[in-house]
N, C-alpha and C. Protein backbone atom coordinates (compact mmCIF):
# COMPACT_ATOMS: atom_id res chain seq x y z
N UNK A 1 -57.65 8.97 -84.03
CA UNK A 1 -58.52 8.31 -83.11
C UNK A 1 -58.77 6.85 -83.54
N UNK A 2 -58.56 5.88 -82.66
CA UNK A 2 -58.71 4.54 -83.01
C UNK A 2 -60.31 4.14 -83.02
N UNK A 3 -60.47 3.06 -83.73
CA UNK A 3 -61.87 2.59 -83.97
C UNK A 3 -62.52 2.46 -82.54
N UNK A 4 -61.84 1.74 -81.58
CA UNK A 4 -62.38 1.49 -80.31
C UNK A 4 -62.76 2.75 -79.61
N UNK A 5 -61.77 3.69 -79.58
CA UNK A 5 -62.05 4.96 -78.87
C UNK A 5 -63.20 5.66 -79.53
N UNK A 6 -63.42 5.58 -80.89
CA UNK A 6 -64.46 6.11 -81.51
C UNK A 6 -65.87 5.59 -81.04
N UNK A 7 -65.81 4.27 -80.80
CA UNK A 7 -67.04 3.68 -80.32
C UNK A 7 -67.46 4.26 -78.92
N UNK A 8 -66.46 4.48 -78.11
CA UNK A 8 -66.77 4.99 -76.78
C UNK A 8 -67.22 6.45 -76.83
N UNK A 9 -66.62 7.18 -77.75
CA UNK A 9 -67.05 8.59 -77.95
C UNK A 9 -68.51 8.67 -78.58
N UNK A 10 -68.77 7.69 -79.46
CA UNK A 10 -70.22 7.73 -79.93
C UNK A 10 -71.13 7.40 -78.79
N UNK A 11 -70.82 6.54 -77.74
CA UNK A 11 -71.64 6.18 -76.71
C UNK A 11 -71.83 7.45 -75.79
N UNK A 12 -70.70 8.18 -75.55
CA UNK A 12 -70.70 9.33 -74.60
C UNK A 12 -71.55 10.42 -75.21
N UNK A 13 -71.58 10.52 -76.61
CA UNK A 13 -72.26 11.57 -77.31
C UNK A 13 -73.73 11.53 -76.96
N UNK A 14 -74.20 10.34 -76.65
CA UNK A 14 -75.74 10.21 -76.51
C UNK A 14 -76.04 9.98 -75.03
N UNK A 15 -75.13 9.71 -74.12
CA UNK A 15 -75.36 9.57 -72.77
C UNK A 15 -75.72 10.92 -72.14
N UNK A 16 -76.74 11.03 -71.45
CA UNK A 16 -77.12 12.38 -70.84
C UNK A 16 -76.48 12.54 -69.46
N UNK A 17 -76.12 11.47 -68.80
CA UNK A 17 -75.62 11.60 -67.50
C UNK A 17 -74.23 12.10 -67.46
N UNK A 18 -73.87 13.25 -66.99
CA UNK A 18 -72.59 13.92 -67.03
C UNK A 18 -71.68 13.19 -66.17
N UNK A 19 -72.11 12.65 -64.97
CA UNK A 19 -71.21 11.92 -64.04
C UNK A 19 -70.75 10.64 -64.72
N UNK A 20 -71.62 10.06 -65.44
CA UNK A 20 -71.23 8.74 -66.08
C UNK A 20 -70.21 8.96 -67.12
N UNK A 21 -70.37 10.03 -67.89
CA UNK A 21 -69.34 10.33 -68.90
C UNK A 21 -68.01 10.62 -68.30
N UNK A 22 -67.90 11.31 -67.12
CA UNK A 22 -66.66 11.56 -66.46
C UNK A 22 -66.05 10.34 -65.95
N UNK A 23 -66.95 9.39 -65.48
CA UNK A 23 -66.40 8.08 -65.03
C UNK A 23 -65.90 7.29 -66.16
N UNK A 24 -66.50 7.29 -67.30
CA UNK A 24 -65.95 6.53 -68.46
C UNK A 24 -64.67 7.07 -68.88
N UNK A 25 -64.40 8.44 -68.89
CA UNK A 25 -63.17 8.84 -69.27
C UNK A 25 -62.07 8.52 -68.23
N UNK A 26 -62.52 8.60 -67.03
CA UNK A 26 -61.51 8.29 -65.94
C UNK A 26 -61.05 6.75 -66.07
N UNK A 27 -62.01 5.90 -66.44
CA UNK A 27 -61.66 4.46 -66.64
C UNK A 27 -60.78 4.30 -67.94
N UNK A 28 -61.12 5.02 -69.00
CA UNK A 28 -60.22 4.88 -70.16
C UNK A 28 -58.85 5.46 -69.82
N UNK A 29 -58.83 6.41 -68.97
CA UNK A 29 -57.43 7.01 -68.70
C UNK A 29 -56.63 5.98 -67.82
N UNK A 30 -57.30 5.17 -67.01
CA UNK A 30 -56.53 4.19 -66.22
C UNK A 30 -56.13 3.02 -67.03
N UNK A 31 -56.71 2.81 -68.25
CA UNK A 31 -56.32 1.66 -69.02
C UNK A 31 -57.36 0.54 -68.80
N UNK A 32 -56.80 -0.51 -68.12
CA UNK A 32 -57.69 -1.70 -67.86
C UNK A 32 -58.22 -2.30 -69.16
N UNK A 33 -57.44 -2.29 -70.19
CA UNK A 33 -57.99 -2.82 -71.43
C UNK A 33 -58.73 -1.95 -72.33
N UNK A 34 -59.00 -0.67 -71.78
CA UNK A 34 -59.77 0.26 -72.54
C UNK A 34 -58.92 1.16 -73.39
N UNK A 35 -59.36 1.81 -74.49
CA UNK A 35 -58.49 2.72 -75.24
C UNK A 35 -58.24 3.98 -74.54
N UNK A 36 -57.20 4.61 -74.79
CA UNK A 36 -56.89 5.96 -74.12
C UNK A 36 -57.82 7.00 -74.65
N UNK A 37 -58.30 7.88 -73.81
CA UNK A 37 -59.19 8.97 -74.24
C UNK A 37 -58.39 9.87 -75.17
N UNK A 38 -59.16 10.54 -76.15
CA UNK A 38 -58.57 11.45 -77.06
C UNK A 38 -59.22 12.82 -76.77
N UNK A 39 -58.99 13.83 -77.64
CA UNK A 39 -59.53 15.16 -77.46
C UNK A 39 -61.06 15.16 -77.48
N UNK A 40 -61.59 14.22 -78.31
CA UNK A 40 -63.06 14.17 -78.50
C UNK A 40 -63.68 13.62 -77.09
N UNK A 41 -62.97 12.54 -76.58
CA UNK A 41 -63.49 11.91 -75.30
C UNK A 41 -63.57 12.97 -74.24
N UNK A 42 -62.45 13.71 -74.11
CA UNK A 42 -62.37 14.74 -73.01
C UNK A 42 -63.36 15.82 -73.37
N UNK A 43 -63.51 16.20 -74.60
CA UNK A 43 -64.50 17.35 -74.87
C UNK A 43 -65.85 16.96 -74.63
N UNK A 44 -66.23 15.79 -74.95
CA UNK A 44 -67.66 15.34 -74.72
C UNK A 44 -67.87 15.32 -73.22
N UNK A 45 -66.93 14.85 -72.45
CA UNK A 45 -67.21 14.82 -70.95
C UNK A 45 -67.17 16.16 -70.34
N UNK A 46 -66.31 16.99 -70.90
CA UNK A 46 -66.15 18.30 -70.38
C UNK A 46 -67.43 19.10 -70.61
N UNK A 47 -67.94 18.99 -71.83
CA UNK A 47 -69.14 19.81 -72.22
C UNK A 47 -70.31 19.55 -71.26
N UNK A 48 -70.37 18.24 -70.96
CA UNK A 48 -71.48 17.70 -70.06
C UNK A 48 -71.22 18.16 -68.58
N UNK A 49 -69.94 18.04 -68.26
CA UNK A 49 -69.54 18.45 -66.89
C UNK A 49 -69.76 19.99 -66.61
N UNK A 50 -69.41 20.77 -67.66
CA UNK A 50 -69.62 22.17 -67.52
C UNK A 50 -71.04 22.50 -67.41
N UNK A 51 -71.93 21.87 -68.18
CA UNK A 51 -73.28 22.13 -68.21
C UNK A 51 -73.95 21.79 -66.86
N UNK A 52 -73.48 20.66 -66.29
CA UNK A 52 -74.04 20.22 -65.02
C UNK A 52 -73.31 20.73 -63.80
N UNK A 53 -72.32 21.66 -64.05
CA UNK A 53 -71.55 22.19 -63.06
C UNK A 53 -70.91 21.17 -62.03
N UNK A 54 -70.40 20.07 -62.65
CA UNK A 54 -69.72 19.12 -61.87
C UNK A 54 -68.33 19.60 -61.40
N UNK A 55 -67.97 19.22 -60.22
CA UNK A 55 -66.61 19.54 -59.67
C UNK A 55 -65.53 18.88 -60.43
N UNK A 56 -65.84 17.71 -61.09
CA UNK A 56 -64.81 16.99 -61.87
C UNK A 56 -64.39 17.73 -63.10
N UNK A 57 -65.04 18.80 -63.50
CA UNK A 57 -64.75 19.48 -64.75
C UNK A 57 -63.23 19.97 -64.73
N UNK A 58 -62.79 20.57 -63.53
CA UNK A 58 -61.37 20.96 -63.43
C UNK A 58 -60.50 19.89 -63.61
N UNK A 59 -60.69 18.65 -63.00
CA UNK A 59 -59.80 17.51 -63.16
C UNK A 59 -59.88 17.04 -64.64
N UNK A 60 -61.03 17.00 -65.30
CA UNK A 60 -61.04 16.59 -66.64
C UNK A 60 -60.23 17.50 -67.59
N UNK A 61 -60.38 18.72 -67.38
CA UNK A 61 -59.63 19.83 -68.13
C UNK A 61 -58.10 19.62 -67.94
N UNK A 62 -57.68 19.38 -66.73
CA UNK A 62 -56.21 19.19 -66.48
C UNK A 62 -55.76 17.87 -67.18
N UNK A 63 -56.56 16.89 -67.13
CA UNK A 63 -56.11 15.68 -67.87
C UNK A 63 -56.07 15.85 -69.32
N UNK A 64 -57.00 16.59 -69.77
CA UNK A 64 -57.00 16.94 -71.33
C UNK A 64 -55.73 17.64 -71.72
N UNK A 65 -55.40 18.60 -70.90
CA UNK A 65 -54.23 19.37 -71.16
C UNK A 65 -52.89 18.57 -71.07
N UNK A 66 -52.81 17.64 -70.10
CA UNK A 66 -51.66 16.78 -69.95
C UNK A 66 -51.59 15.80 -71.11
N UNK A 67 -52.78 15.27 -71.48
CA UNK A 67 -52.75 14.33 -72.68
C UNK A 67 -52.27 15.04 -73.89
N UNK A 68 -52.78 16.19 -74.17
CA UNK A 68 -52.40 16.94 -75.42
C UNK A 68 -50.94 17.31 -75.36
N UNK A 69 -50.48 17.74 -74.21
CA UNK A 69 -49.10 18.08 -74.14
C UNK A 69 -48.14 16.91 -74.39
N UNK A 70 -48.55 15.78 -73.85
CA UNK A 70 -47.73 14.47 -74.09
C UNK A 70 -47.77 14.11 -75.48
N UNK A 71 -48.89 14.25 -76.11
CA UNK A 71 -49.06 13.88 -77.48
C UNK A 71 -48.26 14.72 -78.48
N UNK A 72 -48.33 16.02 -78.18
CA UNK A 72 -47.42 16.93 -79.06
C UNK A 72 -46.02 16.73 -78.86
N UNK A 73 -45.55 16.35 -77.60
CA UNK A 73 -44.16 16.08 -77.37
C UNK A 73 -43.76 14.84 -78.08
N UNK A 74 -44.58 13.78 -77.88
CA UNK A 74 -44.25 12.43 -78.44
C UNK A 74 -44.27 12.49 -80.12
N UNK A 75 -45.21 13.22 -80.58
CA UNK A 75 -45.30 13.35 -82.01
C UNK A 75 -44.46 14.40 -82.71
N UNK A 76 -43.76 15.18 -81.88
CA UNK A 76 -42.86 16.17 -82.44
C UNK A 76 -43.54 17.43 -82.91
N UNK A 77 -44.97 17.58 -82.64
CA UNK A 77 -45.67 18.81 -83.11
C UNK A 77 -45.21 20.03 -82.42
N UNK A 78 -44.96 19.91 -81.12
CA UNK A 78 -44.54 21.10 -80.43
C UNK A 78 -43.17 21.66 -80.91
N UNK A 79 -42.28 20.66 -81.08
CA UNK A 79 -40.94 21.11 -81.58
C UNK A 79 -40.96 21.64 -83.04
N UNK A 80 -41.92 21.06 -83.85
CA UNK A 80 -42.11 21.59 -85.19
C UNK A 80 -42.64 22.98 -85.19
N UNK A 81 -43.64 23.27 -84.39
CA UNK A 81 -44.24 24.56 -84.30
C UNK A 81 -43.17 25.72 -83.72
N UNK A 82 -42.42 25.24 -82.73
CA UNK A 82 -41.46 26.18 -82.27
C UNK A 82 -40.40 26.50 -83.26
N UNK A 83 -39.94 25.58 -84.03
CA UNK A 83 -38.84 25.69 -85.03
C UNK A 83 -39.37 26.66 -86.13
N UNK A 84 -40.64 26.38 -86.51
CA UNK A 84 -41.24 27.13 -87.65
C UNK A 84 -41.44 28.61 -87.20
N UNK A 85 -41.73 28.75 -85.96
CA UNK A 85 -42.07 30.23 -85.47
C UNK A 85 -40.80 31.07 -85.50
N UNK A 86 -39.58 30.36 -85.55
CA UNK A 86 -38.34 31.10 -85.55
C UNK A 86 -37.84 31.49 -87.01
N UNK A 87 -38.34 30.78 -87.94
CA UNK A 87 -37.81 30.90 -89.24
C UNK A 87 -38.81 31.37 -90.35
N UNK A 88 -40.03 31.28 -90.09
CA UNK A 88 -41.11 31.74 -91.05
C UNK A 88 -41.02 33.09 -91.45
N UNK A 89 -41.29 33.49 -92.68
CA UNK A 89 -41.27 34.90 -93.18
C UNK A 89 -42.48 35.65 -92.82
N UNK A 90 -42.75 35.85 -91.59
CA UNK A 90 -43.94 36.65 -91.22
C UNK A 90 -43.86 38.11 -91.66
N UNK A 91 -45.04 38.66 -92.04
CA UNK A 91 -45.07 40.07 -92.47
C UNK A 91 -44.81 40.95 -91.18
N UNK A 92 -44.06 42.02 -91.54
CA UNK A 92 -43.77 42.98 -90.43
C UNK A 92 -44.37 44.34 -90.70
N UNK A 93 -45.36 44.34 -91.51
CA UNK A 93 -45.95 45.60 -91.90
C UNK A 93 -46.89 46.03 -90.68
N UNK A 94 -47.16 47.43 -90.81
CA UNK A 94 -48.17 47.92 -89.86
C UNK A 94 -49.54 47.48 -90.19
N UNK A 95 -50.32 46.84 -89.35
CA UNK A 95 -51.74 46.39 -89.80
C UNK A 95 -52.59 47.59 -90.28
N UNK A 96 -52.46 48.81 -89.82
CA UNK A 96 -53.16 49.96 -90.25
C UNK A 96 -54.71 49.71 -90.29
N UNK A 97 -55.22 49.26 -89.15
CA UNK A 97 -56.70 49.06 -89.07
C UNK A 97 -57.13 47.66 -89.34
N UNK A 98 -56.27 46.75 -90.07
CA UNK A 98 -56.58 45.42 -90.38
C UNK A 98 -56.24 44.57 -89.15
N UNK A 99 -56.82 43.43 -89.07
CA UNK A 99 -56.44 42.47 -88.05
C UNK A 99 -55.13 41.93 -88.48
N UNK A 100 -54.28 41.61 -87.46
CA UNK A 100 -52.87 41.13 -87.76
C UNK A 100 -52.79 39.92 -88.48
N UNK A 101 -53.83 39.00 -88.21
CA UNK A 101 -53.90 37.61 -88.90
C UNK A 101 -54.14 37.84 -90.36
N UNK A 102 -54.79 38.98 -90.77
CA UNK A 102 -55.07 39.18 -92.18
C UNK A 102 -53.78 39.60 -92.96
N UNK A 103 -52.82 40.08 -92.11
CA UNK A 103 -51.52 40.43 -92.76
C UNK A 103 -50.63 39.08 -92.76
N UNK A 104 -50.70 38.33 -91.72
CA UNK A 104 -49.90 37.15 -91.63
C UNK A 104 -50.33 36.01 -92.67
N UNK A 105 -51.64 36.00 -92.96
CA UNK A 105 -52.11 35.02 -93.90
C UNK A 105 -52.89 35.84 -95.09
N UNK A 106 -52.28 36.11 -96.10
CA UNK A 106 -52.96 36.89 -97.22
C UNK A 106 -54.20 36.21 -97.66
N UNK A 107 -55.36 36.92 -97.71
CA UNK A 107 -56.50 36.38 -98.20
C UNK A 107 -57.46 35.90 -97.15
N UNK A 108 -56.94 35.94 -95.87
CA UNK A 108 -57.74 35.46 -94.72
C UNK A 108 -58.52 36.71 -94.33
N UNK A 109 -59.77 36.30 -93.83
CA UNK A 109 -60.67 37.39 -93.29
C UNK A 109 -61.22 37.02 -91.82
N UNK A 110 -60.95 37.92 -90.94
CA UNK A 110 -61.44 37.67 -89.56
C UNK A 110 -62.93 38.07 -89.52
N UNK A 111 -63.77 37.16 -89.18
CA UNK A 111 -65.21 37.39 -89.21
C UNK A 111 -65.76 37.81 -87.87
N UNK A 112 -65.43 37.01 -86.83
CA UNK A 112 -65.97 37.32 -85.49
C UNK A 112 -64.86 36.86 -84.43
N UNK A 113 -64.67 37.70 -83.44
CA UNK A 113 -63.78 37.39 -82.37
C UNK A 113 -64.29 37.90 -81.07
N UNK A 114 -64.11 36.96 -80.06
CA UNK A 114 -64.32 37.46 -78.64
C UNK A 114 -63.21 36.84 -77.75
N UNK A 115 -63.43 36.84 -76.42
CA UNK A 115 -62.39 36.47 -75.56
C UNK A 115 -62.05 34.94 -75.67
N UNK A 116 -63.05 34.16 -76.18
CA UNK A 116 -62.80 32.70 -76.29
C UNK A 116 -62.68 32.09 -77.54
N UNK A 117 -63.26 32.76 -78.56
CA UNK A 117 -63.33 32.12 -79.90
C UNK A 117 -62.85 33.04 -80.99
N UNK A 118 -62.58 32.57 -82.14
CA UNK A 118 -62.20 33.33 -83.31
C UNK A 118 -62.75 32.56 -84.60
N UNK A 119 -63.54 33.25 -85.28
CA UNK A 119 -63.99 32.73 -86.57
C UNK A 119 -63.42 33.40 -87.84
N UNK A 120 -62.82 32.69 -88.66
CA UNK A 120 -62.18 33.29 -89.83
C UNK A 120 -62.56 32.56 -91.10
N UNK A 121 -62.45 33.30 -92.25
CA UNK A 121 -62.75 32.78 -93.54
C UNK A 121 -61.36 32.46 -94.15
N UNK A 122 -61.12 31.10 -94.23
CA UNK A 122 -59.88 30.65 -94.83
C UNK A 122 -59.76 30.57 -96.27
N UNK A 123 -58.85 31.21 -96.96
CA UNK A 123 -58.90 31.11 -98.47
C UNK A 123 -58.27 29.77 -98.92
N UNK A 124 -58.66 29.43 -100.17
CA UNK A 124 -58.09 28.28 -100.74
C UNK A 124 -56.58 28.37 -100.96
N UNK A 125 -55.82 27.35 -100.74
CA UNK A 125 -54.39 27.41 -100.88
C UNK A 125 -53.54 27.56 -99.63
N UNK A 126 -54.31 27.70 -98.44
CA UNK A 126 -53.70 27.86 -97.14
C UNK A 126 -53.91 26.58 -96.34
N UNK A 127 -52.81 26.12 -95.83
CA UNK A 127 -52.81 24.91 -94.90
C UNK A 127 -53.37 25.27 -93.56
N UNK A 128 -54.15 24.41 -92.90
CA UNK A 128 -54.64 24.77 -91.57
C UNK A 128 -53.51 24.69 -90.51
N UNK A 129 -52.67 23.67 -90.67
CA UNK A 129 -51.47 23.52 -89.78
C UNK A 129 -50.41 22.77 -90.49
N UNK A 130 -49.15 22.88 -90.08
CA UNK A 130 -48.02 22.31 -90.83
C UNK A 130 -47.98 20.83 -90.55
N UNK A 131 -47.34 20.05 -91.41
CA UNK A 131 -46.97 18.74 -91.18
C UNK A 131 -45.53 18.52 -91.60
N UNK A 132 -45.08 17.38 -91.33
CA UNK A 132 -43.69 17.14 -91.71
C UNK A 132 -43.52 17.33 -93.15
N UNK A 133 -42.48 18.16 -93.49
CA UNK A 133 -42.21 18.47 -94.92
C UNK A 133 -42.84 19.71 -95.38
N UNK A 134 -43.72 20.43 -94.63
CA UNK A 134 -44.28 21.72 -95.01
C UNK A 134 -43.11 22.71 -95.12
N UNK A 135 -42.96 23.31 -96.22
CA UNK A 135 -41.81 24.32 -96.50
C UNK A 135 -41.86 25.42 -95.37
N UNK A 136 -40.71 25.86 -95.03
CA UNK A 136 -40.63 26.95 -94.00
C UNK A 136 -41.03 28.30 -94.65
N UNK A 137 -41.25 28.21 -95.85
CA UNK A 137 -41.67 29.52 -96.57
C UNK A 137 -43.23 29.60 -96.56
N UNK A 138 -43.83 28.58 -96.12
CA UNK A 138 -45.33 28.47 -96.25
C UNK A 138 -45.93 28.72 -94.83
N UNK A 139 -46.61 29.88 -94.64
CA UNK A 139 -47.24 30.19 -93.34
C UNK A 139 -48.66 29.51 -93.35
N UNK A 140 -48.85 28.64 -92.36
CA UNK A 140 -50.19 28.03 -92.10
C UNK A 140 -51.05 28.88 -91.20
N UNK A 141 -52.29 28.53 -91.09
CA UNK A 141 -53.21 29.28 -90.14
C UNK A 141 -52.70 29.13 -88.73
N UNK A 142 -52.27 27.90 -88.41
CA UNK A 142 -51.85 27.57 -87.05
C UNK A 142 -50.65 28.39 -86.64
N UNK A 143 -49.63 28.49 -87.62
CA UNK A 143 -48.45 29.35 -87.45
C UNK A 143 -48.78 30.76 -87.13
N UNK A 144 -49.75 31.25 -87.99
CA UNK A 144 -50.05 32.76 -87.89
C UNK A 144 -50.78 32.91 -86.45
N UNK A 145 -51.67 32.06 -86.07
CA UNK A 145 -52.32 32.25 -84.76
C UNK A 145 -51.29 32.30 -83.68
N UNK A 146 -50.31 31.34 -83.68
CA UNK A 146 -49.36 31.29 -82.62
C UNK A 146 -48.48 32.56 -82.66
N UNK A 147 -48.21 32.95 -83.82
CA UNK A 147 -47.35 34.23 -83.90
C UNK A 147 -48.07 35.47 -83.33
N UNK A 148 -49.42 35.55 -83.49
CA UNK A 148 -50.12 36.74 -83.05
C UNK A 148 -50.50 36.58 -81.60
N UNK A 149 -50.99 35.50 -81.23
CA UNK A 149 -51.53 35.29 -79.82
C UNK A 149 -50.53 34.68 -78.87
N UNK A 150 -49.51 34.00 -79.32
CA UNK A 150 -48.65 33.26 -78.50
C UNK A 150 -49.28 31.93 -77.95
N UNK A 151 -48.41 31.06 -77.55
CA UNK A 151 -48.83 29.75 -77.12
C UNK A 151 -49.82 29.86 -75.93
N UNK A 152 -49.70 30.84 -75.09
CA UNK A 152 -50.54 30.98 -73.90
C UNK A 152 -51.83 31.69 -74.25
N UNK A 153 -51.97 32.19 -75.42
CA UNK A 153 -53.25 32.98 -75.87
C UNK A 153 -54.26 32.18 -76.56
N UNK A 154 -53.96 30.86 -76.81
CA UNK A 154 -54.90 29.98 -77.45
C UNK A 154 -55.09 28.70 -76.72
N UNK A 155 -56.05 27.84 -77.15
CA UNK A 155 -56.29 26.63 -76.56
C UNK A 155 -55.17 25.60 -76.70
N UNK A 156 -55.18 24.65 -75.83
CA UNK A 156 -53.99 23.71 -75.84
C UNK A 156 -54.38 22.25 -75.74
N UNK A 157 -55.68 22.01 -75.75
CA UNK A 157 -56.08 20.58 -75.59
C UNK A 157 -56.14 19.71 -76.81
N UNK A 158 -55.99 20.35 -77.98
CA UNK A 158 -55.99 19.70 -79.28
C UNK A 158 -54.46 19.37 -79.69
N UNK A 159 -54.40 18.64 -80.70
CA UNK A 159 -52.99 18.28 -81.20
C UNK A 159 -52.28 19.53 -81.67
N UNK A 160 -53.03 20.45 -82.29
CA UNK A 160 -52.39 21.80 -82.73
C UNK A 160 -53.13 22.85 -81.98
N UNK A 161 -52.45 23.75 -81.30
CA UNK A 161 -53.02 24.78 -80.55
C UNK A 161 -54.08 25.65 -81.36
N UNK A 162 -55.18 25.81 -80.84
CA UNK A 162 -56.32 26.65 -81.26
C UNK A 162 -57.22 25.88 -82.41
N UNK A 163 -56.60 24.85 -83.01
CA UNK A 163 -57.30 24.19 -84.18
C UNK A 163 -58.39 23.21 -83.64
N UNK A 164 -59.66 23.52 -83.94
CA UNK A 164 -60.74 22.77 -83.50
C UNK A 164 -61.15 21.70 -84.62
N UNK A 165 -61.10 22.12 -85.88
CA UNK A 165 -61.37 21.32 -86.91
C UNK A 165 -60.55 21.70 -88.22
N UNK A 166 -60.64 21.02 -89.25
CA UNK A 166 -59.79 21.26 -90.44
C UNK A 166 -60.59 21.42 -91.73
N UNK A 167 -60.01 22.11 -92.69
CA UNK A 167 -60.52 22.17 -94.08
C UNK A 167 -59.16 21.87 -94.92
N UNK A 168 -59.42 21.13 -96.10
CA UNK A 168 -58.31 20.87 -96.91
C UNK A 168 -57.67 22.16 -97.47
N UNK A 169 -56.43 22.04 -97.84
CA UNK A 169 -55.65 23.18 -98.31
C UNK A 169 -56.33 23.85 -99.42
N UNK A 170 -56.91 23.07 -100.34
CA UNK A 170 -57.58 23.68 -101.59
C UNK A 170 -58.99 24.12 -101.36
N UNK A 171 -59.48 24.02 -100.10
CA UNK A 171 -60.89 24.45 -99.71
C UNK A 171 -60.96 25.69 -99.02
N UNK A 172 -61.80 26.60 -99.35
CA UNK A 172 -62.00 27.88 -98.69
C UNK A 172 -63.28 27.69 -97.79
N UNK A 173 -63.36 28.49 -96.73
CA UNK A 173 -64.42 28.43 -95.87
C UNK A 173 -64.32 28.89 -94.50
N UNK A 174 -65.35 28.96 -93.73
CA UNK A 174 -65.28 29.36 -92.33
C UNK A 174 -64.69 28.36 -91.41
N UNK A 175 -63.77 28.81 -90.54
CA UNK A 175 -63.14 27.96 -89.53
C UNK A 175 -63.29 28.59 -88.17
N UNK A 176 -63.61 27.70 -87.20
CA UNK A 176 -63.70 28.04 -85.77
C UNK A 176 -62.35 27.72 -85.08
N UNK A 177 -61.81 28.69 -84.41
CA UNK A 177 -60.55 28.53 -83.71
C UNK A 177 -60.91 28.82 -82.15
N UNK A 178 -60.22 28.12 -81.28
CA UNK A 178 -60.44 28.39 -79.89
C UNK A 178 -59.28 29.07 -79.12
N UNK A 179 -59.65 30.05 -78.48
CA UNK A 179 -58.59 30.80 -77.66
C UNK A 179 -58.52 30.34 -76.22
N UNK A 180 -59.51 29.57 -75.76
CA UNK A 180 -59.45 28.89 -74.38
C UNK A 180 -59.76 27.44 -74.54
N UNK A 181 -59.29 26.66 -73.52
CA UNK A 181 -59.52 25.21 -73.63
C UNK A 181 -61.03 24.93 -73.32
N UNK A 182 -61.66 25.70 -72.65
CA UNK A 182 -63.15 25.50 -72.42
C UNK A 182 -63.90 25.69 -73.75
N UNK A 183 -63.63 26.71 -74.49
CA UNK A 183 -64.16 26.92 -75.76
C UNK A 183 -63.90 25.71 -76.69
N UNK A 184 -62.54 25.35 -76.66
CA UNK A 184 -62.19 24.19 -77.59
C UNK A 184 -63.06 22.99 -77.25
N UNK A 185 -63.26 22.63 -75.97
CA UNK A 185 -63.94 21.52 -75.64
C UNK A 185 -65.47 21.58 -76.11
N UNK A 186 -66.00 22.72 -75.85
CA UNK A 186 -67.45 22.89 -76.30
C UNK A 186 -67.62 22.82 -77.75
N UNK A 187 -66.65 23.38 -78.50
CA UNK A 187 -66.77 23.42 -80.04
C UNK A 187 -66.57 21.96 -80.50
N UNK A 188 -65.64 21.17 -80.06
CA UNK A 188 -65.32 19.87 -80.50
C UNK A 188 -66.60 19.02 -80.24
N UNK A 189 -67.17 19.11 -78.96
CA UNK A 189 -68.24 18.41 -78.58
C UNK A 189 -69.50 18.74 -79.58
N UNK A 190 -69.58 20.02 -79.91
CA UNK A 190 -70.72 20.44 -80.78
C UNK A 190 -70.48 19.82 -82.14
N UNK A 191 -69.25 19.81 -82.69
CA UNK A 191 -69.01 19.20 -83.93
C UNK A 191 -69.33 17.68 -84.00
N UNK A 192 -68.83 17.00 -82.96
CA UNK A 192 -68.98 15.54 -82.89
C UNK A 192 -70.41 15.12 -82.73
N UNK A 193 -71.22 15.81 -81.93
CA UNK A 193 -72.65 15.56 -81.80
C UNK A 193 -73.55 16.14 -82.94
N UNK A 194 -72.88 16.62 -83.95
CA UNK A 194 -73.67 17.12 -85.12
C UNK A 194 -74.51 18.23 -84.74
N UNK A 195 -74.16 19.09 -83.75
CA UNK A 195 -75.00 20.21 -83.36
C UNK A 195 -74.60 21.41 -84.15
N UNK A 196 -73.41 21.39 -84.81
CA UNK A 196 -72.93 22.43 -85.70
C UNK A 196 -73.44 22.20 -87.07
N UNK A 197 -74.13 23.07 -87.60
CA UNK A 197 -74.61 22.88 -89.06
C UNK A 197 -73.50 23.42 -90.05
N UNK A 198 -73.20 22.60 -90.99
CA UNK A 198 -72.17 22.82 -92.05
C UNK A 198 -72.80 22.93 -93.41
N UNK A 199 -72.52 23.85 -94.28
CA UNK A 199 -73.03 23.94 -95.60
C UNK A 199 -71.82 24.00 -96.54
N UNK A 200 -71.86 23.13 -97.56
CA UNK A 200 -70.75 23.04 -98.52
C UNK A 200 -71.27 23.53 -99.90
N UNK A 201 -70.44 24.20 -100.64
CA UNK A 201 -70.68 24.67 -101.95
C UNK A 201 -69.60 24.19 -102.85
N UNK A 202 -69.90 23.67 -103.98
CA UNK A 202 -68.97 23.18 -104.94
C UNK A 202 -69.22 23.82 -106.35
N UNK A 203 -68.06 24.12 -107.02
CA UNK A 203 -68.26 24.73 -108.39
C UNK A 203 -67.94 23.52 -109.28
N UNK A 204 -68.85 23.29 -110.17
CA UNK A 204 -68.67 22.15 -111.17
C UNK A 204 -68.81 22.65 -112.54
């Protein structure tokens, strides 16, 4: 996210008028010297549009999906994830009462799941998503989610499907994953507006 886009996002975070936020995103999308909207821009506008029941919410959601799809294609993320899905050494064991994600990512614990969201406890040593150079022997959280739910079973408005936020590879902790684009937007907006409370523990 560029510095200029970040300034616009900060402004939208405190603007109460949902219609005004939708207008700002529309102007950013047209260009006219303004930065392109990112997932935070769309999420902030979508969260306000949903709350106000604005008819523009559907258009904003479609724009967010198109923007993310274009970014994944341009950056090669979509191609990377598809290739990894074909070669990764996923577990083929019977889950036997365990959540399949807990088999695909050793040490992972599924905490809460509903139709729109998934909360997991990520162990240290697990990457949230792959990057260029990530070994094909290393299953990331994003890889496992796509393997279990499929690309149509998770959100698609972020750079990486389902991924709302990140934790470093060496950090363990709770992660929020989105199964729908609506949930993704609401969660990203909540994080950006500091409505989500985070607690960190360090061993020294």
